Amino acid sequence: VCVVASAGCGSLRRMEGEAEYLRQHVYDYDYDVPLDTLW
């Protein structure tokens, strides 16, 4: 039970680490294209 729970917690931490990284790197992203093109 401990081994399975540990693996599950590691997987959740991995997913949250990935999500946090993505949020930080797209948060202030800006584009060098006209607004009409982006929209």
PDB file of all heavy atoms in Angstrom:
ATOM      1  N   VAL A   1       0.843  -1.201   0.000  1.00  0.00           N
ATOM      2  CA  VAL A   1       0.000   0.000   0.000  1.00  0.00           C
ATOM      3  C   VAL A   1       0.876   1.249   0.000  1.00  0.00           C
ATOM      4  O   VAL A   1       0.624   2.201  -0.739  1.00  0.00           O
ATOM      5  CB  VAL A   1      -0.963   0.003   1.206  1.00  0.00           C
ATOM      6  CG1 VAL A   1      -1.621   1.362   1.381  1.00  0.00           C
ATOM      7  CG2 VAL A   1      -2.011  -1.078   1.040  1.00  0.00           C
ATOM      8  N   CYS A   2       1.933   1.264   0.807  1.00  0.00           N
ATOM      9  CA  CYS A   2       2.836   2.418   0.866  1.00  0.00           C
ATOM     10  C   CYS A   2       3.548   2.647  -0.466  1.00  0.00           C
ATOM     11  O   CYS A   2       3.691   3.790  -0.915  1.00  0.00           O
ATOM     12  CB  CYS A   2       3.864   2.241   1.981  1.00  0.00           C
ATOM     13  SG  CYS A   2       3.143   2.400   3.626  1.00  0.00           S
ATOM     14  N   VAL A   3       3.989   1.584  -1.109  1.00  0.00           N
ATOM     15  CA  VAL A   3       4.683   1.709  -2.393  1.00  0.00           C
ATOM     16  C   VAL A   3       3.734   2.258  -3.454  1.00  0.00           C
ATOM     17  O   VAL A   3       4.083   3.171  -4.208  1.00  0.00           O
ATOM     18  CB  VAL A   3       5.287   0.354  -2.837  1.00  0.00           C
ATOM     19  CG1 VAL A   3       5.746   0.400  -4.284  1.00  0.00           C
ATOM     20  CG2 VAL A   3       6.443  -0.027  -1.922  1.00  0.00           C
ATOM     21  N   VAL A   4       2.528   1.740  -3.502  1.00  0.00           N
ATOM     22  CA  VAL A   4       1.533   2.205  -4.479  1.00  0.00           C
ATOM     23  C   VAL A   4       1.173   3.662  -4.214  1.00  0.00           C
ATOM     24  O   VAL A   4       1.109   4.483  -5.140  1.00  0.00           O
ATOM     25  CB  VAL A   4       0.282   1.301  -4.466  1.00  0.00           C
ATOM     26  CG1 VAL A   4      -0.843   1.907  -5.279  1.00  0.00           C
ATOM     27  CG2 VAL A   4       0.627  -0.087  -4.974  1.00  0.00           C
ATOM     28  N   ALA A   5       0.957   4.024  -2.948  1.00  0.00           N
ATOM     29  CA  ALA A   5       0.615   5.404  -2.604  1.00  0.00           C
ATOM     30  C   ALA A   5       1.763   6.341  -2.939  1.00  0.00           C
ATOM     31  O   ALA A   5       1.550   7.455  -3.448  1.00  0.00           O
ATOM     32  CB  ALA A   5       0.257   5.504  -1.123  1.00  0.00           C
ATOM     33  N   SER A   6       2.967   5.912  -2.694  1.00  0.00           N
ATOM     34  CA  SER A   6       4.136   6.738  -2.998  1.00  0.00           C
ATOM     35  C   SER A   6       4.247   6.989  -4.499  1.00  0.00           C
ATOM     36  O   SER A   6       4.527   8.109  -4.939  1.00  0.00           O
ATOM     37  CB  SER A   6       5.403   6.056  -2.492  1.00  0.00           C
ATOM     38  OG  SER A   6       6.541   6.773  -2.884  1.00  0.00           O
ATOM     39  N   ALA A   7       4.030   5.968  -5.292  1.00  0.00           N
ATOM     40  CA  ALA A   7       4.083   6.120  -6.747  1.00  0.00           C
ATOM     41  C   ALA A   7       2.987   7.075  -7.222  1.00  0.00           C
ATOM     42  O   ALA A   7       3.211   7.909  -8.092  1.00  0.00           O
ATOM     43  CB  ALA A   7       3.948   4.768  -7.432  1.00  0.00           C
ATOM     44  N   GLY A   8       1.817   6.950  -6.642  1.00  0.00           N
ATOM     45  CA  GLY A   8       0.708   7.833  -7.007  1.00  0.00           C
ATOM     46  C   GLY A   8       0.992   9.271  -6.642  1.00  0.00           C
ATOM     47  O   GLY A   8       0.725  10.188  -7.417  1.00  0.00           O
ATOM     48  N   CYS A   9       1.567   9.506  -5.472  1.00  0.00           N
ATOM     49  CA  CYS A   9       1.915  10.870  -5.058  1.00  0.00           C
ATOM     50  C   CYS A   9       2.987  11.450  -5.970  1.00  0.00           C
ATOM     51  O   CYS A   9       2.938  12.626  -6.319  1.00  0.00           O
ATOM     52  CB  CYS A   9       2.408  10.876  -3.609  1.00  0.00           C
ATOM     53  SG  CYS A   9       1.103  10.573  -2.412  1.00  0.00           S
ATOM     54  N   GLY A  10       3.953  10.632  -6.358  1.00  0.00           N
ATOM     55  CA  GLY A  10       4.996  11.096  -7.274  1.00  0.00           C
ATOM     56  C   GLY A  10       4.416  11.504  -8.609  1.00  0.00           C
ATOM     57  O   GLY A  10       4.821  12.505  -9.203  1.00  0.00           O
ATOM     58  N   SER A  11       3.442  10.741  -9.077  1.00  0.00           N
ATOM     59  CA  SER A  11       2.796  11.051 -10.347  1.00  0.00           C
ATOM     60  C   SER A  11       2.024  12.367 -10.249  1.00  0.00           C
ATOM     61  O   SER A  11       2.069  13.184 -11.167  1.00  0.00           O
ATOM     62  CB  SER A  11       1.865   9.912 -10.741  1.00  0.00           C
ATOM     63  OG  SER A  11       1.212  10.211 -11.940  1.00  0.00           O
ATOM     64  N   LEU A  12       1.341  12.581  -9.132  1.00  0.00           N
ATOM     65  CA  LEU A  12       0.606  13.826  -8.940  1.00  0.00           C
ATOM     66  C   LEU A  12       1.555  15.013  -8.845  1.00  0.00           C
ATOM     67  O   LEU A  12       1.293  16.075  -9.415  1.00  0.00           O
ATOM     68  CB  LEU A  12      -0.263  13.753  -7.681  1.00  0.00           C
ATOM     69  CG  LEU A  12      -1.470  12.830  -7.761  1.00  0.00           C
ATOM     70  CD1 LEU A  12      -2.165  12.744  -6.414  1.00  0.00           C
ATOM     71  CD2 LEU A  12      -2.437  13.320  -8.819  1.00  0.00           C
ATOM     72  N   ARG A  13       2.668  14.840  -8.147  1.00  0.00           N
ATOM     73  CA  ARG A  13       3.653  15.925  -8.047  1.00  0.00           C
ATOM     74  C   ARG A  13       4.241  16.237  -9.421  1.00  0.00           C
ATOM     75  O   ARG A  13       4.470  17.394  -9.757  1.00  0.00           O
ATOM     76  CB  ARG A  13       4.763  15.548  -7.065  1.00  0.00           C
ATOM     77  CG  ARG A  13       4.334  15.641  -5.603  1.00  0.00           C
ATOM     78  CD  ARG A  13       5.523  15.555  -4.660  1.00  0.00           C
ATOM     79  NE  ARG A  13       6.318  14.360  -4.826  1.00  0.00           N
ATOM     80  CZ  ARG A  13       6.138  13.228  -4.172  1.00  0.00           C
ATOM     81  NH1 ARG A  13       5.167  13.125  -3.290  1.00  0.00           N
ATOM     82  NH2 ARG A  13       6.932  12.188  -4.385  1.00  0.00           N
ATOM     83  N   ARG A  14       4.478  15.209 -10.230  1.00  0.00           N
ATOM     84  CA  ARG A  14       5.002  15.410 -11.582  1.00  0.00           C
ATOM     85  C   ARG A  14       4.023  16.222 -12.413  1.00  0.00           C
ATOM     86  O   ARG A  14       4.388  17.191 -13.068  1.00  0.00           O
ATOM     87  CB  ARG A  14       5.281  14.065 -12.262  1.00  0.00           C
ATOM     88  CG  ARG A  14       5.795  14.222 -13.708  1.00  0.00           C
ATOM     89  CD  ARG A  14       5.885  12.891 -14.441  1.00  0.00           C
ATOM     90  NE  ARG A  14       4.651  12.144 -14.465  1.00  0.00           N
ATOM     91  CZ  ARG A  14       3.609  12.402 -15.267  1.00  0.00           C
ATOM     92  NH1 ARG A  14       3.647  13.399 -16.111  1.00  0.00           N
ATOM     93  NH2 ARG A  14       2.522  11.663 -15.217  1.00  0.00           N
ATOM     94  N   MET A  15       2.758  15.840 -12.370  1.00  0.00           N
ATOM     95  CA  MET A  15       1.731  16.540 -13.152  1.00  0.00           C
ATOM     96  C   MET A  15       1.602  17.993 -12.694  1.00  0.00           C
ATOM     97  O   MET A  15       1.487  18.900 -13.521  1.00  0.00           O
ATOM     98  CB  MET A  15       0.389  15.813 -13.042  1.00  0.00           C
ATOM     99  CG  MET A  15       0.366  14.505 -13.809  1.00  0.00           C
ATOM    100  SD  MET A  15      -1.093  13.444 -13.592  1.00  0.00           S
ATOM    101  CE  MET A  15      -2.397  14.525 -13.189  1.00  0.00           C
ATOM    102  N   GLU A  16       1.629  18.232 -11.394  1.00  0.00           N
ATOM    103  CA  GLU A  16       1.513  19.599 -10.887  1.00  0.00           C
ATOM    104  C   GLU A  16       2.750  20.415 -11.240  1.00  0.00           C
ATOM    105  O   GLU A  16       2.648  21.599 -11.568  1.00  0.00           O
ATOM    106  CB  GLU A  16       1.281  19.606  -9.373  1.00  0.00           C
ATOM    107  CG  GLU A  16       1.044  20.984  -8.805  1.00  0.00           C
ATOM    108  CD  GLU A  16      -0.079  21.772  -9.489  1.00  0.00           C
ATOM    109  OE1 GLU A  16      -1.101  21.182  -9.877  1.00  0.00           O
ATOM    110  OE2 GLU A  16       0.086  23.003  -9.634  1.00  0.00           O
ATOM    111  N   GLY A  17       3.922  19.788 -11.205  1.00  0.00           N
ATOM    112  CA  GLY A  17       5.150  20.481 -11.605  1.00  0.00           C
ATOM    113  C   GLY A  17       5.103  20.909 -13.059  1.00  0.00           C
ATOM    114  O   GLY A  17       5.497  22.030 -13.409  1.00  0.00           O
ATOM    115  N   GLU A  18       4.609  20.031 -13.919  1.00  0.00           N
ATOM    116  CA  GLU A  18       4.468  20.372 -15.341  1.00  0.00           C
ATOM    117  C   GLU A  18       3.463  21.504 -15.537  1.00  0.00           C
ATOM    118  O   GLU A  18       3.720  22.454 -16.278  1.00  0.00           O
ATOM    119  CB  GLU A  18       4.016  19.143 -16.141  1.00  0.00           C
ATOM    120  CG  GLU A  18       5.075  18.092 -16.311  1.00  0.00           C
ATOM    121  CD  GLU A  18       4.589  16.883 -17.095  1.00  0.00           C
ATOM    122  OE1 GLU A  18       3.496  16.941 -17.689  1.00  0.00           O
ATOM    123  OE2 GLU A  18       5.317  15.878 -17.108  1.00  0.00           O
ATOM    124  N   ALA A  19       2.325  21.407 -14.863  1.00  0.00           N
ATOM    125  CA  ALA A  19       1.276  22.414 -15.016  1.00  0.00           C
ATOM    126  C   ALA A  19       1.760  23.782 -14.531  1.00  0.00           C
ATOM    127  O   ALA A  19       1.498  24.802 -15.179  1.00  0.00           O
ATOM    128  CB  ALA A  19       0.019  21.991 -14.253  1.00  0.00           C
ATOM    129  N   GLU A  20       2.470  23.814 -13.418  1.00  0.00           N
ATOM    130  CA  GLU A  20       2.980  25.080 -12.883  1.00  0.00           C
ATOM    131  C   GLU A  20       3.978  25.708 -13.851  1.00  0.00           C
ATOM    132  O   GLU A  20       3.943  26.920 -14.095  1.00  0.00           O
ATOM    133  CB  GLU A  20       3.625  24.864 -11.513  1.00  0.00           C
ATOM    134  CG  GLU A  20       4.180  26.124 -10.891  1.00  0.00           C
ATOM    135  CD  GLU A  20       3.122  27.183 -10.620  1.00  0.00           C
ATOM    136  OE1 GLU A  20       1.946  26.831 -10.423  1.00  0.00           O
ATOM    137  OE2 GLU A  20       3.489  28.377 -10.620  1.00  0.00           O
ATOM    138  N   TYR A  21       4.849  24.907 -14.418  1.00  0.00           N
ATOM    139  CA  TYR A  21       5.825  25.406 -15.385  1.00  0.00           C
ATOM    140  C   TYR A  21       5.107  26.008 -16.602  1.00  0.00           C
ATOM    141  O   TYR A  21       5.446  27.101 -17.045  1.00  0.00           O
ATOM    142  CB  TYR A  21       6.755  24.272 -15.824  1.00  0.00           C
ATOM    143  CG  TYR A  21       7.859  24.717 -16.749  1.00  0.00           C
ATOM    144  CD1 TYR A  21       9.102  25.075 -16.250  1.00  0.00           C
ATOM    145  CD2 TYR A  21       7.661  24.776 -18.123  1.00  0.00           C
ATOM    146  CE1 TYR A  21      10.122  25.491 -17.103  1.00  0.00           C
ATOM    147  CE2 TYR A  21       8.668  25.189 -18.981  1.00  0.00           C
ATOM    148  CZ  TYR A  21       9.892  25.543 -18.462  1.00  0.00           C
ATOM    149  OH  TYR A  21      10.892  25.957 -19.308  1.00  0.00           O
ATOM    150  N   LEU A  22       4.112  25.300 -17.115  1.00  0.00           N
ATOM    151  CA  LEU A  22       3.353  25.810 -18.265  1.00  0.00           C
ATOM    152  C   LEU A  22       2.667  27.134 -17.935  1.00  0.00           C
ATOM    153  O   LEU A  22       2.733  28.085 -18.704  1.00  0.00           O
ATOM    154  CB  LEU A  22       2.312  24.793 -18.726  1.00  0.00           C
ATOM    155  CG  LEU A  22       2.829  23.575 -19.468  1.00  0.00           C
ATOM    156  CD1 LEU A  22       1.680  22.625 -19.773  1.00  0.00           C
ATOM    157  CD2 LEU A  22       3.547  23.973 -20.735  1.00  0.00           C
ATOM    158  N   ARG A  23       2.017  27.187 -16.770  1.00  0.00           N
ATOM    159  CA  ARG A  23       1.324  28.423 -16.382  1.00  0.00           C
ATOM    160  C   ARG A  23       2.302  29.602 -16.335  1.00  0.00           C
ATOM    161  O   ARG A  23       2.001  30.688 -16.813  1.00  0.00           O
ATOM    162  CB  ARG A  23       0.643  28.253 -15.024  1.00  0.00           C
ATOM    163  CG  ARG A  23      -0.654  27.485 -15.082  1.00  0.00           C
ATOM    164  CD  ARG A  23      -1.425  27.589 -13.782  1.00  0.00           C
ATOM    165  NE  ARG A  23      -0.741  26.994 -12.646  1.00  0.00           N
ATOM    166  CZ  ARG A  23      -0.893  25.748 -12.231  1.00  0.00           C
ATOM    167  NH1 ARG A  23      -1.716  24.943 -12.870  1.00  0.00           N
ATOM    168  NH2 ARG A  23      -0.252  25.309 -11.187  1.00  0.00           N
ATOM    169  N   GLN A  24       3.470  29.369 -15.760  1.00  0.00           N
ATOM    170  CA  GLN A  24       4.455  30.451 -15.640  1.00  0.00           C
ATOM    171  C   GLN A  24       4.969  30.905 -17.005  1.00  0.00           C
ATOM    172  O   GLN A  24       5.214  32.090 -17.212  1.00  0.00           O
ATOM    173  CB  GLN A  24       5.629  30.006 -14.780  1.00  0.00           C
ATOM    174  CG  GLN A  24       5.280  29.863 -13.325  1.00  0.00           C
ATOM    175  CD  GLN A  24       6.442  29.304 -12.516  1.00  0.00           C
ATOM    176  OE1 GLN A  24       7.497  28.985 -13.048  1.00  0.00           O
ATOM    177  NE2 GLN A  24       6.233  29.191 -11.217  1.00  0.00           N
ATOM    178  N   HIS A  25       5.141  29.985 -17.932  1.00  0.00           N
ATOM    179  CA  HIS A  25       5.749  30.343 -19.214  1.00  0.00           C
ATOM    180  C   HIS A  25       4.763  30.861 -20.258  1.00  0.00           C
ATOM    181  O   HIS A  25       5.185  31.468 -21.238  1.00  0.00           O
ATOM    182  CB  HIS A  25       6.578  29.169 -19.751  1.00  0.00           C
ATOM    183  CG  HIS A  25       7.875  29.063 -19.030  1.00  0.00           C
ATOM    184  ND1 HIS A  25       7.989  28.476 -17.794  1.00  0.00           N
ATOM    185  CD2 HIS A  25       9.106  29.506 -19.348  1.00  0.00           C
ATOM    186  CE1 HIS A  25       9.232  28.549 -17.387  1.00  0.00           C
ATOM    187  NE2 HIS A  25       9.935  29.179 -18.315  1.00  0.00           N
ATOM    188  N   VAL A  26       3.488  30.645 -20.073  1.00  0.00           N
ATOM    189  CA  VAL A  26       2.518  31.220 -21.011  1.00  0.00           C
ATOM    190  C   VAL A  26       1.826  32.448 -20.431  1.00  0.00           C
ATOM    191  O   VAL A  26       1.156  33.170 -21.154  1.00  0.00           O
ATOM    192  CB  VAL A  26       1.455  30.188 -21.482  1.00  0.00           C
ATOM    193  CG1 VAL A  26       2.101  28.979 -22.118  1.00  0.00           C
ATOM    194  CG2 VAL A  26       0.528  29.784 -20.358  1.00  0.00           C
ATOM    195  N   TYR A  27       2.028  32.720 -19.154  1.00  0.00           N
ATOM    196  CA  TYR A  27       1.284  33.784 -18.466  1.00  0.00           C
ATOM    197  C   TYR A  27       1.422  35.140 -19.149  1.00  0.00           C
ATOM    198  O   TYR A  27       0.436  35.805 -19.424  1.00  0.00           O
ATOM    199  CB  TYR A  27       1.723  33.872 -17.002  1.00  0.00           C
ATOM    200  CG  TYR A  27       0.911  34.865 -16.227  1.00  0.00           C
ATOM    201  CD1 TYR A  27      -0.391  34.565 -15.848  1.00  0.00           C
ATOM    202  CD2 TYR A  27       1.415  36.109 -15.890  1.00  0.00           C
ATOM    203  CE1 TYR A  27      -1.167  35.472 -15.159  1.00  0.00           C
ATOM    204  CE2 TYR A  27       0.655  37.022 -15.194  1.00  0.00           C
ATOM    205  CZ  TYR A  27      -0.630  36.697 -14.828  1.00  0.00           C
ATOM    206  OH  TYR A  27      -1.395  37.606 -14.147  1.00  0.00           O
ATOM    207  N   ASP A  28       2.623  35.581 -19.406  1.00  0.00           N
ATOM    208  CA  ASP A  28       2.841  36.903 -19.996  1.00  0.00           C
ATOM    209  C   ASP A  28       3.263  36.826 -21.457  1.00  0.00           C
ATOM    210  O   ASP A  28       3.879  37.754 -21.973  1.00  0.00           O
ATOM    211  CB  ASP A  28       3.929  37.657 -19.216  1.00  0.00           C
ATOM    212  CG  ASP A  28       3.450  38.112 -17.854  1.00  0.00           C
ATOM    213  OD1 ASP A  28       2.269  38.484 -17.749  1.00  0.00           O
ATOM    214  OD2 ASP A  28       4.246  38.090 -16.909  1.00  0.00           O
ATOM    215  N   TYR A  29       2.934  35.739 -22.110  1.00  0.00           N
ATOM    216  CA  TYR A  29       3.393  35.558 -23.477  1.00  0.00           C
ATOM    217  C   TYR A  29       2.761  36.605 -24.391  1.00  0.00           C
ATOM    218  O   TYR A  29       1.569  36.884 -24.313  1.00  0.00           O
ATOM    219  CB  TYR A  29       3.056  34.151 -23.982  1.00  0.00           C
ATOM    220  CG  TYR A  29       3.910  33.757 -25.149  1.00  0.00           C
ATOM    221  CD1 TYR A  29       5.164  33.214 -24.943  1.00  0.00           C
ATOM    222  CD2 TYR A  29       3.486  33.979 -26.447  1.00  0.00           C
ATOM    223  CE1 TYR A  29       5.975  32.880 -26.020  1.00  0.00           C
ATOM    224  CE2 TYR A  29       4.294  33.650 -27.524  1.00  0.00           C
ATOM    225  CZ  TYR A  29       5.536  33.100 -27.296  1.00  0.00           C
ATOM    226  OH  TYR A  29       6.338  32.786 -28.356  1.00  0.00           O
ATOM    227  N   ASP A  30       3.583  37.198 -25.250  1.00  0.00           N
ATOM    228  CA  ASP A  30       3.055  38.134 -26.230  1.00  0.00           C
ATOM    229  C   ASP A  30       3.544  37.735 -27.618  1.00  0.00           C
ATOM    230  O   ASP A  30       4.500  36.983 -27.761  1.00  0.00           O
ATOM    231  CB  ASP A  30       3.415  39.584 -25.904  1.00  0.00           C
ATOM    232  CG  ASP A  30       4.904  39.816 -25.755  1.00  0.00           C
ATOM    233  OD1 ASP A  30       5.710  38.976 -26.196  1.00  0.00           O
ATOM    234  OD2 ASP A  30       5.286  40.857 -25.198  1.00  0.00           O
ATOM    235  N   TYR A  31       2.837  38.207 -28.613  1.00  0.00           N
ATOM    236  CA  TYR A  31       3.057  37.777 -29.997  1.00  0.00           C
ATOM    237  C   TYR A  31       3.480  38.951 -30.857  1.00  0.00           C
ATOM    238  O   TYR A  31       2.939  40.055 -30.719  1.00  0.00           O
ATOM    239  CB  TYR A  31       1.772  37.173 -30.573  1.00  0.00           C
ATOM    240  CG  TYR A  31       1.290  35.955 -29.842  1.00  0.00           C
ATOM    241  CD1 TYR A  31       0.519  36.079 -28.688  1.00  0.00           C
ATOM    242  CD2 TYR A  31       1.598  34.682 -30.302  1.00  0.00           C
ATOM    243  CE1 TYR A  31       0.063  34.954 -28.015  1.00  0.00           C
ATOM    244  CE2 TYR A  31       1.145  33.557 -29.633  1.00  0.00           C
ATOM    245  CZ  TYR A  31       0.385  33.703 -28.490  1.00  0.00           C
ATOM    246  OH  TYR A  31      -0.053  32.591 -27.828  1.00  0.00           O
ATOM    247  N   ASP A  32       4.376  38.697 -31.767  1.00  0.00           N
ATOM    248  CA  ASP A  32       4.834  39.703 -32.713  1.00  0.00           C
ATOM    249  C   ASP A  32       4.068  39.535 -34.031  1.00  0.00           C
ATOM    250  O   ASP A  32       4.657  39.402 -35.096  1.00  0.00           O
ATOM    251  CB  ASP A  32       6.344  39.576 -32.934  1.00  0.00           C
ATOM    252  CG  ASP A  32       6.916  40.743 -33.715  1.00  0.00           C
ATOM    253  OD1 ASP A  32       6.281  41.815 -33.716  1.00  0.00           O
ATOM    254  OD2 ASP A  32       7.982  40.586 -34.331  1.00  0.00           O
ATOM    255  N   VAL A  33       2.764  39.488 -33.910  1.00  0.00           N
ATOM    256  CA  VAL A  33       1.876  39.392 -35.078  1.00  0.00           C
ATOM    257  C   VAL A  33       0.736  40.386 -34.861  1.00  0.00           C
ATOM    258  O   VAL A  33       0.425  40.747 -33.724  1.00  0.00           O
ATOM    259  CB  VAL A  33       1.299  37.963 -35.275  1.00  0.00           C
ATOM    260  CG1 VAL A  33       2.403  36.961 -35.549  1.00  0.00           C
ATOM    261  CG2 VAL A  33       0.463  37.536 -34.097  1.00  0.00           C
ATOM    262  N   PRO A  34       0.100  40.839 -35.921  1.00  0.00           N
ATOM    263  CA  PRO A  34      -1.037  41.751 -35.757  1.00  0.00           C
ATOM    264  C   PRO A  34      -2.153  41.084 -34.946  1.00  0.00           C
ATOM    265  O   PRO A  34      -2.359  39.861 -35.025  1.00  0.00           O
ATOM    266  CB  PRO A  34      -1.489  42.025 -37.193  1.00  0.00           C
ATOM    267  CG  PRO A  34      -0.320  41.679 -38.053  1.00  0.00           C
ATOM    268  CD  PRO A  34       0.416  40.591 -37.334  1.00  0.00           C
ATOM    269  N   LEU A  35      -2.865  41.890 -34.193  1.00  0.00           N
ATOM    270  CA  LEU A  35      -3.957  41.374 -33.371  1.00  0.00           C
ATOM    271  C   LEU A  35      -4.997  40.651 -34.214  1.00  0.00           C
ATOM    272  O   LEU A  35      -5.508  39.603 -33.799  1.00  0.00           O
ATOM    273  CB  LEU A  35      -4.606  42.511 -32.575  1.00  0.00           C
ATOM    274  CG  LEU A  35      -5.699  42.097 -31.594  1.00  0.00           C
ATOM    275  CD1 LEU A  35      -5.153  41.130 -30.553  1.00  0.00           C
ATOM    276  CD2 LEU A  35      -6.301  43.309 -30.929  1.00  0.00           C
ATOM    277  N   ASP A  36      -5.301  41.151 -35.394  1.00  0.00           N
ATOM    278  CA  ASP A  36      -6.278  40.494 -36.268  1.00  0.00           C
ATOM    279  C   ASP A  36      -5.845  39.062 -36.592  1.00  0.00           C
ATOM    280  O   ASP A  36      -6.659  38.137 -36.587  1.00  0.00           O
ATOM    281  CB  ASP A  36      -6.464  41.271 -37.573  1.00  0.00           C
ATOM    282  CG  ASP A  36      -7.223  42.569 -37.381  1.00  0.00           C
ATOM    283  OD1 ASP A  36      -7.938  42.703 -36.370  1.00  0.00           O
ATOM    284  OD2 ASP A  36      -7.108  43.443 -38.256  1.00  0.00           O
ATOM    285  N   THR A  37      -4.566  38.871 -36.864  1.00  0.00           N
ATOM    286  CA  THR A  37      -4.035  37.542 -37.188  1.00  0.00           C
ATOM    287  C   THR A  37      -4.118  36.618 -35.979  1.00  0.00           C
ATOM    288  O   THR A  37      -4.542  35.463 -36.089  1.00  0.00           O
ATOM    289  CB  THR A  37      -2.573  37.652 -37.671  1.00  0.00           C
ATOM    290  OG1 THR A  37      -2.535  38.523 -38.803  1.00  0.00           O
ATOM    291  CG2 THR A  37      -2.004  36.294 -38.035  1.00  0.00           C
ATOM    292  N   LEU A  38      -3.717  37.133 -34.824  1.00  0.00           N
ATOM    293  CA  LEU A  38      -3.761  36.332 -33.594  1.00  0.00           C
ATOM    294  C   LEU A  38      -5.196  35.931 -33.270  1.00  0.00           C
ATOM    295  O   LEU A  38      -5.476  34.765 -32.978  1.00  0.00           O
ATOM    296  CB  LEU A  38      -3.151  37.129 -32.443  1.00  0.00           C
ATOM    297  CG  LEU A  38      -3.118  36.442 -31.086  1.00  0.00           C
ATOM    298  CD1 LEU A  38      -2.235  35.203 -31.128  1.00  0.00           C
ATOM    299  CD2 LEU A  38      -2.620  37.415 -30.014  1.00  0.00           C
ATOM    300  N   TRP A  39      -6.114  36.879 -33.358  1.00  0.00           N
ATOM    301  CA  TRP A  39      -7.520  36.613 -33.038  1.00  0.00           C
ATOM    302  C   TRP A  39      -8.117  35.584 -33.994  1.00  0.00           C
ATOM    303  O   TRP A  39      -8.796  34.653 -33.568  1.00  0.00           O
ATOM    304  CB  TRP A  39      -8.316  37.907 -33.060  1.00  0.00           C
ATOM    305  CG  TRP A  39      -9.737  37.724 -32.636  1.00  0.00           C
ATOM    306  CD1 TRP A  39     -10.843  37.841 -33.421  1.00  0.00           C
ATOM    307  CD2 TRP A  39     -10.198  37.368 -31.330  1.00  0.00           C
ATOM    308  NE1 TRP A  39     -11.973  37.583 -32.680  1.00  0.00           N
ATOM    309  CE2 TRP A  39     -11.602  37.291 -31.391  1.00  0.00           C
ATOM    310  CE3 TRP A  39      -9.566  37.103 -30.126  1.00  0.00           C
ATOM    311  CZ2 TRP A  39     -12.382  36.970 -30.293  1.00  0.00           C
ATOM    312  CZ3 TRP A  39     -10.344  36.783 -29.018  1.00  0.00           C
ATOM    313  CH2 TRP A  39     -11.731  36.717 -29.106  1.00  0.00           C
TER     314      TRP A  39
END
